[in-house]
Amino acid sequence: MSDIGGNSSYDAARANWGGSWRLPTKAEFVELRSNCDYQWTTQNGVKGMLFTSKRNGNSIFFPAAGWRYGTSTTYAGEHGYYWSSTPYGSGTQYAYVLYFYSGGSASSYWNYRISGHTVRPVVE
């Protein structure tokens, strides 16, 4: 399976928000990390990672929502996991994720698509 970005059959952002909303790609998450300073912070009582552009000072906050497995939520307030539309390898089981935690690190890795990670849509 190729990138699912914009495919309303697979892309949760497009399916639920419509229009030109879609999941970000792994490359866009890499670009976010490369072109921003990021820091662990609390905004309006919610812990998460604030990414601030090195170019123009604009920022975006990603809550540390943890992840869900079945009906259980794990690591809420400590870790953030955000889906990309980019598959890992040639199969359909895995996709890349933007990951961060309270220690202040942010990276990309892959995980099983059945994992309950957060979706942060982008618009074209």
C-alpha atoms as a PDB file:
ATOM      1  CA  MET A   1       0.000   0.000   0.000  1.00  0.00           C
ATOM      2  CA  SER A   2       1.315   3.428  -0.862  1.00  0.00           C
ATOM      3  CA  ASP A   3       0.847   6.697   1.005  1.00  0.00           C
ATOM      4  CA  ILE A   4      -2.798   7.004   2.109  1.00  0.00           C
ATOM      5  CA  GLY A   5      -2.822  10.822   2.317  1.00  0.00           C
ATOM      6  CA  GLY A   6      -6.088  12.197   0.958  1.00  0.00           C
ATOM      7  CA  ASN A   7      -7.648   8.772   0.318  1.00  0.00           C
ATOM      8  CA  SER A   8     -10.966   8.976   2.178  1.00  0.00           C
ATOM      9  CA  SER A   9     -11.130   5.179   2.417  1.00  0.00           C
ATOM     10  CA  TYR A  10      -8.012   5.135   4.634  1.00  0.00           C
ATOM     11  CA  ASP A  11      -7.075   8.679   5.683  1.00  0.00           C
ATOM     12  CA  ALA A  12      -8.952   9.476   8.917  1.00  0.00           C
ATOM     13  CA  ALA A  13      -8.517  13.229   8.423  1.00  0.00           C
ATOM     14  CA  ARG A  14     -10.044  13.211   4.930  1.00  0.00           C
ATOM     15  CA  ALA A  15     -12.795  10.768   5.920  1.00  0.00           C
ATOM     16  CA  ASN A  16     -13.877  12.831   8.936  1.00  0.00           C
ATOM     17  CA  TRP A  17     -13.112  16.417   7.928  1.00  0.00           C
ATOM     18  CA  GLY A  18     -13.513  16.204   4.136  1.00  0.00           C
ATOM     19  CA  GLY A  19     -12.304  18.908   1.779  1.00  0.00           C
ATOM     20  CA  SER A  20      -8.545  18.963   1.343  1.00  0.00           C
ATOM     21  CA  TRP A  21      -7.765  17.865   4.923  1.00  0.00           C
ATOM     22  CA  ARG A  22      -5.353  14.934   5.183  1.00  0.00           C
ATOM     23  CA  LEU A  23      -2.809  13.224   7.393  1.00  0.00           C
ATOM     24  CA  PRO A  24       0.688  14.720   7.224  1.00  0.00           C
ATOM     25  CA  THR A  25       3.451  12.679   5.600  1.00  0.00           C
ATOM     26  CA  LYS A  26       6.566  11.383   7.331  1.00  0.00           C
ATOM     27  CA  ALA A  27       8.561  13.933   5.290  1.00  0.00           C
ATOM     28  CA  GLU A  28       6.400  16.755   6.681  1.00  0.00           C
ATOM     29  CA  PHE A  29       7.044  15.558  10.245  1.00  0.00           C
ATOM     30  CA  VAL A  30      10.783  15.392   9.508  1.00  0.00           C
ATOM     31  CA  GLU A  31      10.593  18.917   8.085  1.00  0.00           C
ATOM     32  CA  LEU A  32       8.746  20.085  11.208  1.00  0.00           C
ATOM     33  CA  ARG A  33      11.469  18.699  13.470  1.00  0.00           C
ATOM     34  CA  SER A  34      14.282  20.029  11.265  1.00  0.00           C
ATOM     35  CA  ASN A  35      12.925  23.551  10.871  1.00  0.00           C
ATOM     36  CA  CYS A  36      11.610  24.106  14.379  1.00  0.00           C
ATOM     37  CA  ASP A  37      12.874  24.375  17.890  1.00  0.00           C
ATOM     38  CA  TYR A  38      10.725  22.265  20.176  1.00  0.00           C
ATOM     39  CA  GLN A  39      10.184  22.164  23.884  1.00  0.00           C
ATOM     40  CA  TRP A  40       8.070  20.283  26.390  1.00  0.00           C
ATOM     41  CA  THR A  41       5.535  22.662  27.918  1.00  0.00           C
ATOM     42  CA  THR A  42       2.048  23.023  29.351  1.00  0.00           C
ATOM     43  CA  GLN A  43      -0.624  25.093  27.623  1.00  0.00           C
ATOM     44  CA  ASN A  44      -4.028  25.663  29.214  1.00  0.00           C
ATOM     45  CA  GLY A  45      -3.300  22.823  31.640  1.00  0.00           C
ATOM     46  CA  VAL A  46      -2.371  20.364  28.850  1.00  0.00           C
ATOM     47  CA  LYS A  47       1.141  18.928  28.620  1.00  0.00           C
ATOM     48  CA  GLY A  48       2.753  18.513  25.226  1.00  0.00           C
ATOM     49  CA  MET A  49       5.360  19.663  22.741  1.00  0.00           C
ATOM     50  CA  LEU A  50       5.515  23.183  21.323  1.00  0.00           C
ATOM     51  CA  PHE A  51       7.203  23.426  17.914  1.00  0.00           C
ATOM     52  CA  THR A  52       8.373  26.947  16.985  1.00  0.00           C
ATOM     53  CA  SER A  53       9.600  27.800  13.488  1.00  0.00           C
ATOM     54  CA  LYS A  54      13.228  28.886  13.197  1.00  0.00           C
ATOM     55  CA  ARG A  55      12.226  30.933  10.132  1.00  0.00           C
ATOM     56  CA  ASN A  56       9.192  32.975  11.165  1.00  0.00           C
ATOM     57  CA  GLY A  57       8.512  32.262  14.853  1.00  0.00           C
ATOM     58  CA  ASN A  58       5.099  30.678  14.242  1.00  0.00           C
ATOM     59  CA  SER A  59       4.311  27.797  16.549  1.00  0.00           C
ATOM     60  CA  ILE A  60       2.079  24.755  16.843  1.00  0.00           C
ATOM     61  CA  PHE A  61       1.276  22.786  19.982  1.00  0.00           C
ATOM     62  CA  PHE A  62       0.874  18.999  20.009  1.00  0.00           C
ATOM     63  CA  PRO A  63      -0.824  17.663  23.163  1.00  0.00           C
ATOM     64  CA  ALA A  64       0.731  14.612  24.809  1.00  0.00           C
ATOM     65  CA  ALA A  65      -2.396  12.508  24.352  1.00  0.00           C
ATOM     66  CA  GLY A  66      -0.679   9.146  24.862  1.00  0.00           C
ATOM     67  CA  TRP A  67      -2.085   6.229  22.894  1.00  0.00           C
ATOM     68  CA  ARG A  68      -5.049   3.903  23.075  1.00  0.00           C
ATOM     69  CA  TYR A  69      -5.197   0.159  22.959  1.00  0.00           C
ATOM     70  CA  GLY A  70      -8.762  -1.091  23.086  1.00  0.00           C
ATOM     71  CA  THR A  71     -10.472   1.029  25.729  1.00  0.00           C
ATOM     72  CA  SER A  72      -7.311   1.872  27.679  1.00  0.00           C
ATOM     73  CA  THR A  73      -5.263   5.055  27.299  1.00  0.00           C
ATOM     74  CA  THR A  74      -1.569   4.850  28.121  1.00  0.00           C
ATOM     75  CA  TYR A  75       0.993   7.634  28.730  1.00  0.00           C
ATOM     76  CA  ALA A  76      -1.502  10.519  28.491  1.00  0.00           C
ATOM     77  CA  GLY A  77       0.271  13.684  29.602  1.00  0.00           C
ATOM     78  CA  GLU A  78       3.672  12.030  29.126  1.00  0.00           C
ATOM     79  CA  HIS A  79       4.006  10.986  25.467  1.00  0.00           C
ATOM     80  CA  GLY A  80       2.616  12.059  22.097  1.00  0.00           C
ATOM     81  CA  TYR A  81       2.098   9.772  19.097  1.00  0.00           C
ATOM     82  CA  TYR A  82       0.795  11.281  15.841  1.00  0.00           C
ATOM     83  CA  TRP A  83       0.029   9.301  12.692  1.00  0.00           C
ATOM     84  CA  SER A  84       1.514  10.125   9.323  1.00  0.00           C
ATOM     85  CA  SER A  85       0.071   8.879   6.054  1.00  0.00           C
ATOM     86  CA  THR A  86       3.375   7.251   5.094  1.00  0.00           C
ATOM     87  CA  PRO A  87       3.585   3.462   5.267  1.00  0.00           C
ATOM     88  CA  TYR A  88       6.605   1.653   6.617  1.00  0.00           C
ATOM     89  CA  GLY A  89       7.883  -0.933   4.156  1.00  0.00           C
ATOM     90  CA  SER A  90       5.743  -2.522   1.513  1.00  0.00           C
ATOM     91  CA  GLY A  91       3.046  -3.973   3.760  1.00  0.00           C
ATOM     92  CA  THR A  92      -0.092  -2.455   5.169  1.00  0.00           C
ATOM     93  CA  GLN A  93       0.548  -3.209   8.839  1.00  0.00           C
ATOM     94  CA  TYR A  94       2.794  -0.274   9.720  1.00  0.00           C
ATOM     95  CA  ALA A  95       2.999   3.474   9.260  1.00  0.00           C
ATOM     96  CA  TYR A  96       5.327   6.236  10.463  1.00  0.00           C
ATOM     97  CA  VAL A  97       4.539   8.203  13.605  1.00  0.00           C
ATOM     98  CA  LEU A  98       5.771  11.505  15.053  1.00  0.00           C
ATOM     99  CA  TYR A  99       6.730  10.653  18.636  1.00  0.00           C
ATOM    100  CA  PHE A 100       7.740  12.849  21.560  1.00  0.00           C
ATOM    101  CA  TYR A 101       7.872  12.593  25.327  1.00  0.00           C
ATOM    102  CA  SER A 102       8.359  14.682  28.433  1.00  0.00           C
ATOM    103  CA  GLY A 103      12.151  14.308  28.235  1.00  0.00           C
ATOM    104  CA  GLY A 104      12.043  16.768  25.346  1.00  0.00           C
ATOM    105  CA  SER A 105      12.920  14.518  22.419  1.00  0.00           C
ATOM    106  CA  ALA A 106      10.963  14.305  19.158  1.00  0.00           C
ATOM    107  CA  SER A 107      11.513  11.679  16.463  1.00  0.00           C
ATOM    108  CA  SER A 108       9.813   9.532  13.842  1.00  0.00           C
ATOM    109  CA  TYR A 109       9.415   5.794  14.027  1.00  0.00           C
ATOM    110  CA  TRP A 110       6.955   3.215  12.747  1.00  0.00           C
ATOM    111  CA  ASN A 111       4.185   1.390  14.545  1.00  0.00           C
ATOM    112  CA  TYR A 112       1.320  -1.001  13.855  1.00  0.00           C
ATOM    113  CA  ARG A 113      -1.616   0.758  12.228  1.00  0.00           C
ATOM    114  CA  ILE A 114      -3.949  -0.873  14.760  1.00  0.00           C
ATOM    115  CA  SER A 115      -2.433   1.293  17.505  1.00  0.00           C
ATOM    116  CA  GLY A 116      -4.645   4.148  18.652  1.00  0.00           C
ATOM    117  CA  HIS A 117      -2.533   7.204  17.918  1.00  0.00           C
ATOM    118  CA  THR A 118      -3.605  10.818  17.584  1.00  0.00           C
ATOM    119  CA  VAL A 119      -4.411  12.452  14.251  1.00  0.00           C
ATOM    120  CA  ARG A 120      -3.338  16.053  13.595  1.00  0.00           C
ATOM    121  CA  PRO A 121      -4.756  16.965  10.151  1.00  0.00           C
ATOM    122  CA  VAL A 122      -3.130  19.366   7.721  1.00  0.00           C
ATOM    123  CA  VAL A 123      -4.839  21.167   4.873  1.00  0.00           C
ATOM    124  CA  GLU A 124      -3.524  21.658   1.340  1.00  0.00           C
END
